[in-house]
Amino acid sequence: MSRVAIIGVGQSAFVRGYEGSIRELAFEGFKDAVKDAGISVKDIDASIICSAPEYDKQRSPAGVFAEYLGLIPQPTCYLESLCSSSSMGVRIAYSLIKSGLHDVVAVIGFQKMSEISSAESQERMGRGADIQWESPFGTMMPAYYAMYARAHMEKYGTTPEDLALVRVKAATYGQINDKAVYRKPVTLEMFNDPGSPMSNPVASPLRVGDCCANADGSSCVILANEEKAKAMSNKPVWILGLGAASESVNLAGRELFTGLSAAQRAAEQAYQMAGIGPEDVDVAEVHDCFTIAEIMAYENLGFAKPGEGKELIRSKETYKEGKIPVNVDGGLLSKGHPIGATGGSQIRTIVLQLRGEAGQMQVKDPEIGLVHNIGGVGLYGNVTILGR
């Protein structure tokens, strides 16, 4: 069976208040991907539209987007797995191509979170948990990840300073990413300064600086079979491995509280499919919705042993010059987190890295890149491994 490649990637700027419609927002990432691939809209056989629907006023946006983007009468569908929607979209597109049903598929992720208020947004995030047994008690995303942070601290001695160091790294690269919503420097001292917003408590031990921001944005990834990829593109990036897993919605049903088991299982599957190990990864994008999430990702992906993720950030081994560069585009903490667009944005970063087109964020000569994208509080885990 032929291989599957990514031949085009695109992303809008991530912003706090996009003034246009959701179809215009989706067009920004889509047009960049089509231009990047060097193809026409007529070359695309099918499209998959990805977002978290509770933020959208438009029901069934797939048909609306397909019409606006010129993708009719080709088939389209809508897909969601919370924050990992567009990574799951890439997985489904890969399957459609491998099956022979389609040759070229566009995966479009978007979210316009400013359509609703911040309070409404938090309430909808809470409904990502079980609405019968958990969310009625007021649990929201920061509180969930705060519990994981507290458990990691209790078991492994991780400190609030370790968490802050993750944000300092994110800001280092967010400043040079023109697609990021937060492009200001962040220092460790800001977390200890009562006058700095970074130090304000959200859900102990997490502070404002430990949390990513809501954003509006879109992304697009265009996939093709081997024959089409070689004919259409001079710079295809190949999908080497895919992994996906899920976990109990209710935290009472989970055994691991110092990491995300769905991410760990997804990573094992992706490594096995790609025929590599964590030591072979040259650059990675991980789902750092909160600072503790990045440290747990180091461990779940095998970059560090359980409890030793904090040592990677302390020694700066996950900086661009380190042994395993992670989130050198600023990650969610700097880029912002437009839920449905996030996975596609992460994949775009790795594709640019593998093509040597990441500019100031470029890692030296990477051959294998990894994307770790989580939906909910570890409810869905997706890992994608790409190669030059």
Protein backbone atom coordinates (compact mmCIF):
# COMPACT_ATOMS: atom_id res chain seq x y z
CA MET A 1 0.00 0.00 0.00
CA SER A 2 1.27 3.47 -0.87
CA ARG A 3 2.47 5.89 1.74
CA VAL A 4 0.58 9.04 2.73
CA ALA A 5 2.20 12.47 2.79
CA ILE A 6 1.35 15.95 3.93
CA ILE A 7 1.76 18.22 0.90
CA GLY A 8 0.41 21.51 2.26
CA VAL A 9 -0.06 23.28 5.59
CA GLY A 10 -1.59 26.59 6.57
CA GLN A 11 -2.66 28.56 9.60
CA SER A 12 -4.32 31.87 10.36
CA ALA A 13 -2.89 34.17 12.97
CA PHE A 14 -4.30 33.19 16.36
CA VAL A 15 -6.07 36.21 17.85
CA ARG A 16 -8.32 37.08 20.78
CA GLY A 17 -11.18 38.62 18.77
CA TYR A 18 -11.46 37.77 15.08
CA GLU A 19 -13.76 40.26 13.39
CA GLY A 20 -14.92 38.13 10.44
CA SER A 21 -17.20 35.11 10.18
CA ILE A 22 -16.14 31.51 10.86
CA ARG A 23 -16.08 30.76 7.13
CA GLU A 24 -13.70 33.68 6.56
CA LEU A 25 -11.59 32.48 9.46
CA ALA A 26 -11.39 28.97 7.96
CA PHE A 27 -10.45 30.45 4.58
CA GLU A 28 -7.30 32.04 6.05
CA GLY A 29 -5.72 28.72 6.99
CA PHE A 30 -7.11 26.95 3.91
CA LYS A 31 -5.78 29.41 1.33
CA ASP A 32 -2.30 29.21 2.86
CA ALA A 33 -2.34 25.41 2.70
CA VAL A 34 -3.52 25.31 -0.92
CA LYS A 35 -0.82 27.81 -1.89
CA ASP A 36 1.78 25.88 0.10
CA ALA A 37 0.82 22.65 -1.67
CA GLY A 38 0.89 24.34 -5.07
CA ILE A 39 -2.44 22.81 -6.08
CA SER A 40 -5.91 24.05 -7.00
CA VAL A 41 -9.11 23.52 -5.05
CA LYS A 42 -10.26 21.09 -7.75
CA ASP A 43 -7.41 18.74 -6.81
CA ILE A 44 -8.96 18.09 -3.37
CA ASP A 45 -11.20 14.99 -3.32
CA ALA A 46 -12.74 15.42 0.13
CA SER A 47 -12.65 17.62 3.22
CA ILE A 48 -12.93 17.08 6.97
CA ILE A 49 -13.97 20.03 9.13
CA CYS A 50 -12.90 19.91 12.79
CA SER A 51 -13.92 21.91 15.85
CA ALA A 52 -15.59 21.64 19.25
CA PRO A 53 -19.25 22.35 18.39
CA GLU A 54 -20.36 23.85 21.69
CA TYR A 55 -18.57 27.11 20.84
CA ASP A 56 -20.12 27.45 17.37
CA LYS A 57 -23.37 29.24 16.59
CA GLN A 58 -23.41 27.61 13.15
CA ARG A 59 -24.75 24.07 13.21
CA SER A 60 -23.04 21.59 10.83
CA PRO A 61 -20.30 23.94 9.62
CA ALA A 62 -18.86 21.36 7.21
CA GLY A 63 -21.41 22.09 4.49
CA VAL A 64 -21.08 25.83 4.99
CA PHE A 65 -17.30 25.70 4.68
CA ALA A 66 -17.32 23.33 1.72
CA GLU A 67 -19.55 25.72 -0.18
CA TYR A 68 -17.53 28.80 0.76
CA LEU A 69 -14.17 27.18 -0.02
CA GLY A 70 -15.24 25.70 -3.35
CA LEU A 71 -15.13 22.10 -2.11
CA ILE A 72 -18.54 21.00 -3.41
CA PRO A 73 -19.76 18.57 -4.68
CA GLN A 74 -16.88 16.61 -3.10
CA PRO A 75 -17.83 14.82 0.12
CA THR A 76 -17.30 16.62 3.42
CA CYS A 77 -17.96 15.75 7.05
CA TYR A 78 -17.68 17.23 10.52
CA LEU A 79 -15.48 15.69 13.21
CA GLU A 80 -14.84 16.50 16.86
CA SER A 81 -12.73 15.09 19.66
CA LEU A 82 -12.53 18.28 21.73
CA CYS A 83 -9.04 19.83 21.64
CA SER A 84 -7.58 17.01 19.51
CA SER A 85 -10.16 17.34 16.73
CA SER A 86 -7.85 18.28 13.86
CA SER A 87 -5.25 15.65 14.79
CA MET A 88 -8.03 13.09 14.74
CA GLY A 89 -9.10 14.61 11.41
CA VAL A 90 -5.62 13.88 10.03
CA ARG A 91 -5.92 10.29 11.28
CA ILE A 92 -9.25 9.85 9.48
CA ALA A 93 -7.94 11.52 6.31
CA TYR A 94 -4.97 9.14 6.36
CA SER A 95 -7.38 6.22 6.61
CA LEU A 96 -9.52 7.47 3.71
CA ILE A 97 -6.44 7.76 1.52
CA LYS A 98 -4.96 4.40 2.57
CA SER A 99 -8.29 2.73 1.81
CA GLY A 100 -8.21 4.09 -1.74
CA LEU A 101 -11.44 6.04 -1.38
CA HIS A 102 -9.70 9.37 -1.91
CA ASP A 103 -6.36 10.62 -3.22
CA VAL A 104 -6.19 14.12 -1.69
CA VAL A 105 -7.99 15.23 1.50
CA ALA A 106 -8.03 18.60 3.27
CA VAL A 107 -8.36 18.70 7.07
CA ILE A 108 -9.58 22.11 8.24
CA GLY A 109 -9.62 22.94 11.94
CA PHE A 110 -11.14 26.11 13.34
CA GLN A 111 -12.57 27.75 16.43
CA LYS A 112 -13.94 31.21 17.01
CA MET A 113 -14.08 31.21 20.78
CA SER A 114 -14.91 34.91 20.96
CA GLU A 115 -18.40 34.05 19.68
CA ILE A 116 -19.31 33.58 23.35
CA SER A 117 -18.20 35.18 26.61
CA SER A 118 -15.31 33.89 28.73
CA ALA A 119 -17.76 32.73 31.41
CA GLU A 120 -19.81 30.85 28.82
CA SER A 121 -16.65 29.34 27.43
CA GLN A 122 -15.60 28.02 30.84
CA GLU A 123 -19.06 26.54 31.39
CA ARG A 124 -18.86 24.71 28.07
CA MET A 125 -15.39 23.42 28.90
CA GLY A 126 -16.84 22.02 32.10
CA ARG A 127 -19.38 20.13 30.03
CA GLY A 128 -16.48 18.30 28.39
CA ALA A 129 -16.63 16.20 31.56
CA ASP A 130 -19.50 13.90 32.46
CA ILE A 131 -22.56 16.15 32.83
CA GLN A 132 -24.22 13.65 35.16
CA TRP A 133 -21.45 12.81 37.60
CA GLU A 134 -18.75 15.51 37.44
CA SER A 135 -19.47 18.85 35.80
CA PRO A 136 -22.44 19.66 38.12
CA PHE A 137 -19.83 20.02 40.88
CA GLY A 138 -18.24 22.96 39.06
CA THR A 139 -15.14 21.28 37.69
CA MET A 140 -13.42 23.22 34.91
CA MET A 141 -10.22 22.72 32.93
CA PRO A 142 -7.85 24.63 35.25
CA ALA A 143 -9.16 22.73 38.28
CA TYR A 144 -8.68 19.36 36.60
CA TYR A 145 -5.10 20.08 35.57
CA ALA A 146 -4.42 21.58 39.00
CA MET A 147 -5.23 18.18 40.49
CA TYR A 148 -2.72 16.55 38.14
CA ALA A 149 -0.15 19.19 39.05
CA ARG A 150 -0.69 18.63 42.76
CA ALA A 151 -0.37 14.85 42.36
CA HIS A 152 2.86 15.25 40.36
CA MET A 153 4.27 17.57 43.01
CA GLU A 154 3.37 15.23 45.84
CA LYS A 155 4.87 12.15 44.19
CA TYR A 156 7.91 13.58 42.41
CA GLY A 157 8.78 16.85 44.11
CA THR A 158 7.93 19.00 41.12
CA THR A 159 7.75 22.66 42.14
CA PRO A 160 5.77 25.74 41.05
CA GLU A 161 9.08 27.09 39.74
CA ASP A 162 9.39 24.07 37.41
CA LEU A 163 5.97 24.90 36.01
CA ALA A 164 6.93 28.53 35.56
CA LEU A 165 10.05 27.51 33.63
CA VAL A 166 7.80 25.89 31.02
CA ARG A 167 6.04 29.21 30.48
CA VAL A 168 9.34 31.09 30.31
CA LYS A 169 10.43 28.75 27.48
CA ALA A 170 7.09 29.15 25.70
CA ALA A 171 7.41 32.93 25.80
CA THR A 172 10.97 32.75 24.50
CA TYR A 173 9.63 31.35 21.24
CA GLY A 174 6.22 32.99 21.25
CA GLN A 175 7.96 36.32 20.81
CA ILE A 176 9.31 35.22 17.42
CA ASN A 177 6.15 33.49 16.17
CA ASP A 178 4.07 35.94 14.16
CA LYS A 179 1.05 33.61 14.42
CA ALA A 180 1.00 33.66 18.24
CA VAL A 181 -1.55 35.57 20.30
CA TYR A 182 0.90 36.23 23.18
CA ARG A 183 4.21 37.68 22.00
CA LYS A 184 5.64 39.17 25.17
CA PRO A 185 8.59 38.01 27.28
CA VAL A 186 7.89 36.16 30.53
CA THR A 187 10.43 35.86 33.33
CA LEU A 188 10.58 33.64 36.38
CA GLU A 189 10.43 36.73 38.60
CA MET A 190 6.98 37.60 37.25
CA PHE A 191 5.55 34.49 38.93
CA ASN A 192 6.73 35.78 42.31
CA ASP A 193 5.63 39.39 41.76
CA PRO A 194 2.20 40.14 43.28
CA GLY A 195 1.91 43.02 40.82
CA SER A 196 2.26 40.76 37.79
CA PRO A 197 -0.82 39.07 36.32
CA MET A 198 1.32 35.96 35.79
CA SER A 199 1.33 35.35 39.55
CA ASN A 200 -2.44 35.59 40.07
CA PRO A 201 -3.95 32.31 41.33
CA VAL A 202 -6.37 30.37 39.12
CA ALA A 203 -6.60 26.91 40.69
CA SER A 204 -3.80 26.11 43.12
CA PRO A 205 -1.01 25.44 42.28
CA LEU A 206 -1.75 26.85 38.81
CA ARG A 207 -1.48 30.59 38.24
CA VAL A 208 -2.43 32.75 35.27
CA GLY A 209 1.01 32.19 33.78
CA ASP A 210 0.50 28.42 33.91
CA CYS A 211 -2.59 28.55 31.69
CA CYS A 212 -2.99 29.00 27.94
CA ALA A 213 -5.44 31.55 26.56
CA ASN A 214 -8.57 31.11 24.48
CA ALA A 215 -8.14 32.28 20.89
CA ASP A 216 -9.76 32.42 17.47
CA GLY A 217 -7.95 30.68 14.64
CA SER A 218 -7.89 28.13 11.84
CA SER A 219 -5.47 25.59 10.43
CA CYS A 220 -5.38 23.34 7.38
CA VAL A 221 -3.43 20.19 6.54
CA ILE A 222 -3.62 18.69 3.04
CA LEU A 223 -2.78 14.99 2.67
CA ALA A 224 -2.18 12.95 -0.49
CA ASN A 225 -1.32 9.41 -1.49
CA GLU A 226 2.24 8.66 -2.59
CA GLU A 227 1.58 8.93 -6.32
CA LYS A 228 -0.17 12.29 -6.03
CA ALA A 229 2.31 13.59 -3.46
CA LYS A 230 5.29 12.91 -5.70
CA ALA A 231 3.55 14.42 -8.71
CA MET A 232 2.26 17.53 -6.94
CA SER A 233 4.92 18.33 -4.34
CA ASN A 234 8.67 18.81 -4.25
CA LYS A 235 8.67 18.69 -0.44
CA PRO A 236 6.28 16.02 0.88
CA VAL A 237 6.46 15.15 4.56
CA TRP A 238 5.52 11.53 5.21
CA ILE A 239 3.24 10.21 7.93
CA LEU A 240 5.28 7.50 9.65
CA GLY A 241 3.14 6.66 12.65
CA LEU A 242 -0.26 7.35 14.17
CA GLY A 243 -1.53 6.55 17.63
CA ALA A 244 -4.84 7.25 19.34
CA ALA A 245 -6.43 6.24 22.62
CA SER A 246 -9.12 7.29 25.07
CA GLU A 247 -9.60 7.27 28.83
CA SER A 248 -12.41 7.27 31.36
CA VAL A 249 -14.35 10.54 31.30
CA ASN A 250 -14.72 10.51 35.07
CA LEU A 251 -11.51 10.92 37.02
CA ALA A 252 -12.82 8.35 39.49
CA GLY A 253 -12.31 5.76 36.77
CA ARG A 254 -8.61 6.54 36.30
CA GLU A 255 -5.57 4.95 37.87
CA LEU A 256 -2.83 7.36 36.77
CA PHE A 257 -2.83 10.89 38.19
CA THR A 258 0.72 11.93 37.42
CA GLY A 259 0.33 11.58 33.65
CA LEU A 260 -2.22 11.01 30.91
CA SER A 261 -2.61 7.33 30.06
CA ALA A 262 -4.32 8.08 26.72
CA ALA A 263 -1.22 9.97 25.62
CA GLN A 264 1.05 7.18 26.77
CA ARG A 265 -0.92 4.52 24.86
CA ALA A 266 -1.15 6.69 21.74
CA ALA A 267 2.62 7.24 21.82
CA GLU A 268 3.31 3.51 22.11
CA GLN A 269 1.12 2.84 19.06
CA ALA A 270 2.72 5.61 16.99
CA TYR A 271 6.27 4.53 17.86
CA GLN A 272 5.46 0.92 16.94
CA MET A 273 3.89 1.92 13.61
CA ALA A 274 6.83 4.19 12.75
CA GLY A 275 9.39 1.63 13.88
CA ILE A 276 11.20 4.14 16.08
CA GLY A 277 11.59 5.06 19.74
CA PRO A 278 11.46 8.36 21.62
CA GLU A 279 15.23 8.68 21.29
CA ASP A 280 14.79 9.03 17.50
CA VAL A 281 12.56 12.12 17.68
CA ASP A 282 14.37 15.32 16.69
CA VAL A 283 11.64 17.89 17.41
CA ALA A 284 8.23 17.74 19.06
CA GLU A 285 5.03 19.68 19.57
CA VAL A 286 3.14 18.78 22.73
CA HIS A 287 -0.22 19.86 24.10
CA ASP A 288 0.78 22.42 26.74
CA CYS A 289 -2.68 23.75 27.62
CA PHE A 290 -1.21 24.12 31.13
CA THR A 291 2.44 24.07 32.16
CA ILE A 292 2.03 20.77 34.01
CA ALA A 293 0.69 19.22 30.78
CA GLU A 294 4.03 19.78 29.04
CA ILE A 295 6.01 18.17 31.86
CA MET A 296 3.65 15.18 31.87
CA ALA A 297 4.00 14.96 28.07
CA TYR A 298 7.80 14.64 28.38
CA GLU A 299 7.21 11.57 30.53
CA ASN A 300 4.26 10.06 28.65
CA LEU A 301 6.19 10.27 25.36
CA GLY A 302 9.30 8.65 26.80
CA PHE A 303 11.54 11.72 26.58
CA ALA A 304 12.03 11.37 30.33
CA LYS A 305 11.29 8.72 32.95
CA PRO A 306 8.25 9.26 35.23
CA GLY A 307 9.04 12.09 37.62
CA GLU A 308 12.07 13.27 35.64
CA GLY A 309 10.31 15.58 33.19
CA LYS A 310 11.14 18.53 35.43
CA GLU A 311 14.84 17.86 34.85
CA LEU A 312 14.43 18.46 31.10
CA ILE A 313 13.03 21.95 31.60
CA ARG A 314 15.50 22.79 34.38
CA SER A 315 18.45 21.87 32.14
CA LYS A 316 16.89 23.54 29.06
CA GLU A 317 17.09 20.29 27.10
CA THR A 318 13.70 21.10 25.53
CA TYR A 319 14.91 24.43 24.16
CA LYS A 320 15.84 24.71 20.47
CA GLU A 321 19.47 23.85 21.18
CA GLY A 322 18.67 20.97 23.56
CA LYS A 323 18.58 17.24 22.97
CA ILE A 324 14.82 17.18 22.39
CA PRO A 325 13.40 20.59 21.34
CA VAL A 326 9.74 20.89 22.34
CA ASN A 327 7.24 23.62 21.40
CA VAL A 328 9.77 25.94 19.85
CA ASP A 329 6.87 27.83 18.25
CA GLY A 330 5.67 28.93 21.71
CA GLY A 331 3.17 26.11 22.15
CA LEU A 332 -0.41 26.67 23.23
CA LEU A 333 0.84 28.80 26.11
CA SER A 334 2.00 31.48 23.67
CA LYS A 335 0.09 30.73 20.48
CA GLY A 336 -3.26 30.45 22.22
CA HIS A 337 -5.66 27.52 21.95
CA PRO A 338 -8.43 27.80 19.33
CA ILE A 339 -9.60 24.29 20.12
CA GLY A 340 -10.39 22.81 16.71
CA ALA A 341 -7.38 24.47 15.03
CA THR A 342 -4.73 23.46 17.55
CA GLY A 343 -3.74 20.01 16.26
CA GLY A 344 -3.42 21.30 12.71
CA SER A 345 -1.27 24.17 13.94
CA GLN A 346 1.02 21.74 15.76
CA ILE A 347 1.33 19.58 12.64
CA ARG A 348 2.07 22.68 10.54
CA THR A 349 4.97 23.56 12.84
CA ILE A 350 6.51 20.11 12.55
CA VAL A 351 6.08 20.05 8.76
CA LEU A 352 7.88 23.40 8.50
CA GLN A 353 10.63 22.11 10.78
CA LEU A 354 11.16 18.99 8.68
CA ARG A 355 11.25 21.08 5.50
CA GLY A 356 13.77 23.49 7.04
CA GLU A 357 11.32 26.38 6.72
CA ALA A 358 10.74 27.35 10.37
CA GLY A 359 12.83 30.54 10.25
CA GLN A 360 14.06 31.75 13.63
CA MET A 361 12.43 28.74 15.27
CA GLN A 362 14.29 26.22 13.09
CA VAL A 363 15.88 23.23 14.81
CA LYS A 364 19.12 21.96 13.23
CA ASP A 365 18.54 19.25 10.59
CA PRO A 366 15.52 17.40 12.04
CA GLU A 367 14.49 14.19 10.27
CA ILE A 368 11.68 12.96 12.54
CA GLY A 369 9.08 15.08 14.28
CA LEU A 370 6.27 14.22 16.71
CA VAL A 371 2.93 15.86 17.53
CA HIS A 372 1.13 15.14 20.83
CA ASN A 373 -2.43 16.49 20.91
CA ILE A 374 -4.84 15.93 23.80
CA GLY A 375 -8.62 16.31 23.91
CA GLY A 376 -10.23 17.28 27.21
CA VAL A 377 -8.44 16.31 30.41
CA GLY A 378 -6.66 13.37 28.84
CA LEU A 379 -9.95 12.01 27.52
CA TYR A 380 -8.57 11.67 23.98
CA GLY A 381 -4.92 11.23 23.06
CA ASN A 382 -3.43 11.53 19.57
CA VAL A 383 0.22 11.17 18.58
CA THR A 384 1.41 11.73 15.01
CA ILE A 385 4.96 10.98 13.83
CA LEU A 386 6.23 12.64 10.65
CA GLY A 387 9.42 12.17 8.65
CA ARG A 388 11.27 13.90 5.83
